[in-house]
Amino acid sequence: MDLLEKKIRENKSILDKLDMSLVDQAENKSLLDRKRVVEDKLNKLNEIYKGLGR
């Protein structure tokens, strides 16, 4: 019975780590999406400033 309980605990630990990994991946995707939006806005502003300088 002890071996079975140990295996169950190990598997639960692995599943918890996978869940955290999925959460981290979702957060990273969200950050990357926000970064892209900011970069797009900066590029548009740069184009406007270049247009004003001419």
PDB file of N, CA and C in Angstrom:
ATOM      1  N   MET A   1       0.828  -1.207   0.000  1.00  0.00           N
ATOM      2  CA  MET A   1       0.000   0.000   0.000  1.00  0.00           C
ATOM      3  C   MET A   1       0.864   1.259   0.000  1.00  0.00           C
ATOM      4  N   ASP A   2       1.986   1.207   0.709  1.00  0.00           N
ATOM      5  CA  ASP A   2       2.870   2.366   0.757  1.00  0.00           C
ATOM      6  C   ASP A   2       3.406   2.714  -0.622  1.00  0.00           C
ATOM      7  N   LEU A   3       3.765   1.701  -1.393  1.00  0.00           N
ATOM      8  CA  LEU A   3       4.294   1.946  -2.735  1.00  0.00           C
ATOM      9  C   LEU A   3       3.243   2.616  -3.618  1.00  0.00           C
ATOM     10  N   LEU A   4       2.015   2.135  -3.505  1.00  0.00           N
ATOM     11  CA  LEU A   4       0.922   2.715  -4.293  1.00  0.00           C
ATOM     12  C   LEU A   4       0.699   4.184  -3.909  1.00  0.00           C
ATOM     13  N   GLU A   5       0.694   4.470  -2.619  1.00  0.00           N
ATOM     14  CA  GLU A   5       0.514   5.853  -2.159  1.00  0.00           C
ATOM     15  C   GLU A   5       1.658   6.734  -2.643  1.00  0.00           C
ATOM     16  N   LYS A   6       2.868   6.190  -2.618  1.00  0.00           N
ATOM     17  CA  LYS A   6       4.034   6.944  -3.081  1.00  0.00           C
ATOM     18  C   LYS A   6       3.892   7.284  -4.565  1.00  0.00           C
ATOM     19  N   LYS A   7       3.476   6.310  -5.360  1.00  0.00           N
ATOM     20  CA  LYS A   7       3.292   6.525  -6.803  1.00  0.00           C
ATOM     21  C   LYS A   7       2.193   7.564  -7.063  1.00  0.00           C
ATOM     22  N   ILE A   8       1.116   7.481  -6.305  1.00  0.00           N
ATOM     23  CA  ILE A   8       0.017   8.435  -6.463  1.00  0.00           C
ATOM     24  C   ILE A   8       0.529   9.847  -6.161  1.00  0.00           C
ATOM     25  N   ARG A   9       1.306   9.993  -5.080  1.00  0.00           N
ATOM     26  CA  ARG A   9       1.859  11.306  -4.732  1.00  0.00           C
ATOM     27  C   ARG A   9       2.787  11.815  -5.823  1.00  0.00           C
ATOM     28  N   GLU A  10       3.639  10.927  -6.353  1.00  0.00           N
ATOM     29  CA  GLU A  10       4.561  11.314  -7.422  1.00  0.00           C
ATOM     30  C   GLU A  10       3.782  11.792  -8.655  1.00  0.00           C
ATOM     31  N   ASN A  11       2.753  11.038  -9.022  1.00  0.00           N
ATOM     32  CA  ASN A  11       1.958  11.418 -10.191  1.00  0.00           C
ATOM     33  C   ASN A  11       1.235  12.737  -9.969  1.00  0.00           C
ATOM     34  N   LYS A  12       0.726  12.950  -8.753  1.00  0.00           N
ATOM     35  CA  LYS A  12       0.061  14.214  -8.444  1.00  0.00           C
ATOM     36  C   LYS A  12       1.055  15.362  -8.545  1.00  0.00           C
ATOM     37  N   SER A  13       2.260  15.147  -8.074  1.00  0.00           N
ATOM     38  CA  SER A  13       3.300  16.176  -8.155  1.00  0.00           C
ATOM     39  C   SER A  13       3.617  16.509  -9.610  1.00  0.00           C
ATOM     40  N   ILE A  14       3.708  15.480 -10.448  1.00  0.00           N
ATOM     41  CA  ILE A  14       3.977  15.691 -11.879  1.00  0.00           C
ATOM     42  C   ILE A  14       2.830  16.481 -12.517  1.00  0.00           C
ATOM     43  N   LEU A  15       1.599  16.117 -12.192  1.00  0.00           N
ATOM     44  CA  LEU A  15       0.436  16.827 -12.741  1.00  0.00           C
ATOM     45  C   LEU A  15       0.417  18.288 -12.283  1.00  0.00           C
ATOM     46  N   ASP A  16       0.763  18.530 -11.017  1.00  0.00           N
ATOM     47  CA  ASP A  16       0.817  19.906 -10.512  1.00  0.00           C
ATOM     48  C   ASP A  16       1.856  20.715 -11.282  1.00  0.00           C
ATOM     49  N   LYS A  17       3.009  20.100 -11.542  1.00  0.00           N
ATOM     50  CA  LYS A  17       4.055  20.798 -12.296  1.00  0.00           C
ATOM     51  C   LYS A  17       3.592  21.096 -13.717  1.00  0.00           C
ATOM     52  N   LEU A  18       2.888  20.162 -14.332  1.00  0.00           N
ATOM     53  CA  LEU A  18       2.360  20.390 -15.682  1.00  0.00           C
ATOM     54  C   LEU A  18       1.340  21.529 -15.680  1.00  0.00           C
ATOM     55  N   ASP A  19       0.477  21.554 -14.665  1.00  0.00           N
ATOM     56  CA  ASP A  19      -0.503  22.635 -14.559  1.00  0.00           C
ATOM     57  C   ASP A  19       0.204  23.981 -14.456  1.00  0.00           C
ATOM     58  N   MET A  20       1.246  24.058 -13.617  1.00  0.00           N
ATOM     59  CA  MET A  20       1.981  25.306 -13.461  1.00  0.00           C
ATOM     60  C   MET A  20       2.664  25.687 -14.766  1.00  0.00           C
ATOM     61  N   SER A  21       3.168  24.706 -15.484  1.00  0.00           N
ATOM     62  CA  SER A  21       3.817  24.956 -16.772  1.00  0.00           C
ATOM     63  C   SER A  21       2.821  25.555 -17.760  1.00  0.00           C
ATOM     64  N   LEU A  22       1.605  25.022 -17.770  1.00  0.00           N
ATOM     65  CA  LEU A  22       0.570  25.550 -18.665  1.00  0.00           C
ATOM     66  C   LEU A  22       0.199  26.982 -18.288  1.00  0.00           C
ATOM     67  N   VAL A  23       0.139  27.264 -16.993  1.00  0.00           N
ATOM     68  CA  VAL A  23      -0.153  28.625 -16.535  1.00  0.00           C
ATOM     69  C   VAL A  23       0.972  29.558 -16.986  1.00  0.00           C
ATOM     70  N   ASP A  24       2.228  29.117 -16.805  1.00  0.00           N
ATOM     71  CA  ASP A  24       3.370  29.932 -17.226  1.00  0.00           C
ATOM     72  C   ASP A  24       3.324  30.198 -18.722  1.00  0.00           C
ATOM     73  N   GLN A  25       2.981  29.177 -19.503  1.00  0.00           N
ATOM     74  CA  GLN A  25       2.906  29.344 -20.954  1.00  0.00           C
ATOM     75  C   GLN A  25       1.829  30.361 -21.331  1.00  0.00           C
ATOM     76  N   ALA A  26       0.701  30.305 -20.650  1.00  0.00           N
ATOM     77  CA  ALA A  26      -0.386  31.249 -20.933  1.00  0.00           C
ATOM     78  C   ALA A  26       0.051  32.679 -20.589  1.00  0.00           C
ATOM     79  N   GLU A  27       0.747  32.832 -19.451  1.00  0.00           N
ATOM     80  CA  GLU A  27       1.225  34.159 -19.065  1.00  0.00           C
ATOM     81  C   GLU A  27       2.254  34.666 -20.071  1.00  0.00           C
ATOM     82  N   ASN A  28       3.149  33.799 -20.519  1.00  0.00           N
ATOM     83  CA  ASN A  28       4.161  34.198 -21.504  1.00  0.00           C
ATOM     84  C   ASN A  28       3.493  34.636 -22.807  1.00  0.00           C
ATOM     85  N   LYS A  29       2.474  33.908 -23.231  1.00  0.00           N
ATOM     86  CA  LYS A  29       1.767  34.269 -24.466  1.00  0.00           C
ATOM     87  C   LYS A  29       1.110  35.634 -24.314  1.00  0.00           C
ATOM     88  N   SER A  30       0.513  35.861 -23.158  1.00  0.00           N
ATOM     89  CA  SER A  30      -0.129  37.143 -22.897  1.00  0.00           C
ATOM     90  C   SER A  30       0.899  38.278 -22.948  1.00  0.00           C
ATOM     91  N   LEU A  31       2.068  38.055 -22.337  1.00  0.00           N
ATOM     92  CA  LEU A  31       3.116  39.074 -22.352  1.00  0.00           C
ATOM     93  C   LEU A  31       3.616  39.321 -23.763  1.00  0.00           C
ATOM     94  N   LEU A  32       3.793  38.253 -24.537  1.00  0.00           N
ATOM     95  CA  LEU A  32       4.250  38.406 -25.922  1.00  0.00           C
ATOM     96  C   LEU A  32       3.226  39.178 -26.752  1.00  0.00           C
ATOM     97  N   ASP A  33       1.938  38.884 -26.534  1.00  0.00           N
ATOM     98  CA  ASP A  33       0.884  39.600 -27.257  1.00  0.00           C
ATOM     99  C   ASP A  33       0.924  41.092 -26.922  1.00  0.00           C
ATOM    100  N   ARG A  34       1.095  41.412 -25.624  1.00  0.00           N
ATOM    101  CA  ARG A  34       1.168  42.814 -25.217  1.00  0.00           C
ATOM    102  C   ARG A  34       2.405  43.492 -25.809  1.00  0.00           C
ATOM    103  N   LYS A  35       3.517  42.757 -25.833  1.00  0.00           N
ATOM    104  CA  LYS A  35       4.759  43.297 -26.401  1.00  0.00           C
ATOM    105  C   LYS A  35       4.549  43.639 -27.871  1.00  0.00           C
ATOM    106  N   ARG A  36       3.883  42.751 -28.609  1.00  0.00           N
ATOM    107  CA  ARG A  36       3.619  43.004 -30.035  1.00  0.00           C
ATOM    108  C   ARG A  36       2.757  44.253 -30.223  1.00  0.00           C
ATOM    109  N   VAL A  37       1.753  44.417 -29.378  1.00  0.00           N
ATOM    110  CA  VAL A  37       0.875  45.588 -29.481  1.00  0.00           C
ATOM    111  C   VAL A  37       1.688  46.870 -29.246  1.00  0.00           C
ATOM    112  N   VAL A  38       2.537  46.855 -28.224  1.00  0.00           N
ATOM    113  CA  VAL A  38       3.358  48.033 -27.916  1.00  0.00           C
ATOM    114  C   VAL A  38       4.321  48.313 -29.064  1.00  0.00           C
ATOM    115  N   GLU A  39       4.941  47.267 -29.604  1.00  0.00           N
ATOM    116  CA  GLU A  39       5.863  47.461 -30.728  1.00  0.00           C
ATOM    117  C   GLU A  39       5.142  48.040 -31.935  1.00  0.00           C
ATOM    118  N   ASP A  40       3.937  47.560 -32.211  1.00  0.00           N
ATOM    119  CA  ASP A  40       3.147  48.098 -33.328  1.00  0.00           C
ATOM    120  C   ASP A  40       2.863  49.588 -33.125  1.00  0.00           C
ATOM    121  N   LYS A  41       2.485  49.955 -31.899  1.00  0.00           N
ATOM    122  CA  LYS A  41       2.194  51.368 -31.610  1.00  0.00           C
ATOM    123  C   LYS A  41       3.445  52.217 -31.770  1.00  0.00           C
ATOM    124  N   LEU A  42       4.588  51.706 -31.283  1.00  0.00           N
ATOM    125  CA  LEU A  42       5.840  52.452 -31.431  1.00  0.00           C
ATOM    126  C   LEU A  42       6.214  52.631 -32.896  1.00  0.00           C
ATOM    127  N   ASN A  43       6.031  51.580 -33.684  1.00  0.00           N
ATOM    128  CA  ASN A  43       6.331  51.678 -35.116  1.00  0.00           C
ATOM    129  C   ASN A  43       5.450  52.731 -35.789  1.00  0.00           C
ATOM    130  N   LYS A  44       4.172  52.759 -35.420  1.00  0.00           N
ATOM    131  CA  LYS A  44       3.265  53.758 -36.005  1.00  0.00           C
ATOM    132  C   LYS A  44       3.678  55.168 -35.599  1.00  0.00           C
ATOM    133  N   LEU A  45       4.053  55.335 -34.322  1.00  0.00           N
ATOM    134  CA  LEU A  45       4.506  56.652 -33.863  1.00  0.00           C
ATOM    135  C   LEU A  45       5.774  57.070 -34.602  1.00  0.00           C
ATOM    136  N   ASN A  46       6.698  56.156 -34.795  1.00  0.00           N
ATOM    137  CA  ASN A  46       7.933  56.467 -35.521  1.00  0.00           C
ATOM    138  C   ASN A  46       7.623  56.908 -36.937  1.00  0.00           C
ATOM    139  N   GLU A  47       6.672  56.235 -37.583  1.00  0.00           N
ATOM    140  CA  GLU A  47       6.283  56.617 -38.939  1.00  0.00           C
ATOM    141  C   GLU A  47       5.689  58.023 -38.949  1.00  0.00           C
ATOM    142  N   ILE A  48       4.878  58.339 -37.961  1.00  0.00           N
ATOM    143  CA  ILE A  48       4.267  59.673 -37.879  1.00  0.00           C
ATOM    144  C   ILE A  48       5.361  60.731 -37.703  1.00  0.00           C
ATOM    145  N   TYR A  49       6.312  60.478 -36.778  1.00  0.00           N
ATOM    146  CA  TYR A  49       7.376  61.449 -36.533  1.00  0.00           C
ATOM    147  C   TYR A  49       8.245  61.635 -37.767  1.00  0.00           C
ATOM    148  N   LYS A  50       8.524  60.541 -38.479  1.00  0.00           N
ATOM    149  CA  LYS A  50       9.296  60.651 -39.726  1.00  0.00           C
ATOM    150  C   LYS A  50       8.538  61.487 -40.735  1.00  0.00           C
ATOM    151  N   GLY A  51       7.230  61.295 -40.804  1.00  0.00           N
ATOM    152  CA  GLY A  51       6.397  62.063 -41.721  1.00  0.00           C
ATOM    153  C   GLY A  51       6.381  63.538 -41.362  1.00  0.00           C
ATOM    154  N   LEU A  52       6.405  63.857 -40.068  1.00  0.00           N
ATOM    155  CA  LEU A  52       6.398  65.253 -39.630  1.00  0.00           C
ATOM    156  C   LEU A  52       7.732  65.931 -39.931  1.00  0.00           C
ATOM    157  N   GLY A  53       8.807  65.156 -39.880  1.00  0.00           N
ATOM    158  CA  GLY A  53      10.144  65.716 -40.097  1.00  0.00           C
ATOM    159  C   GLY A  53      10.402  66.103 -41.541  1.00  0.00           C
ATOM    160  N   ARG A  54       9.651  65.558 -42.458  1.00  0.00           N
ATOM    161  CA  ARG A  54       9.902  65.832 -43.886  1.00  0.00           C
ATOM    162  C   ARG A  54       9.249  67.099 -44.340  1.00  0.00           C
TER     163      ARG A  54
END
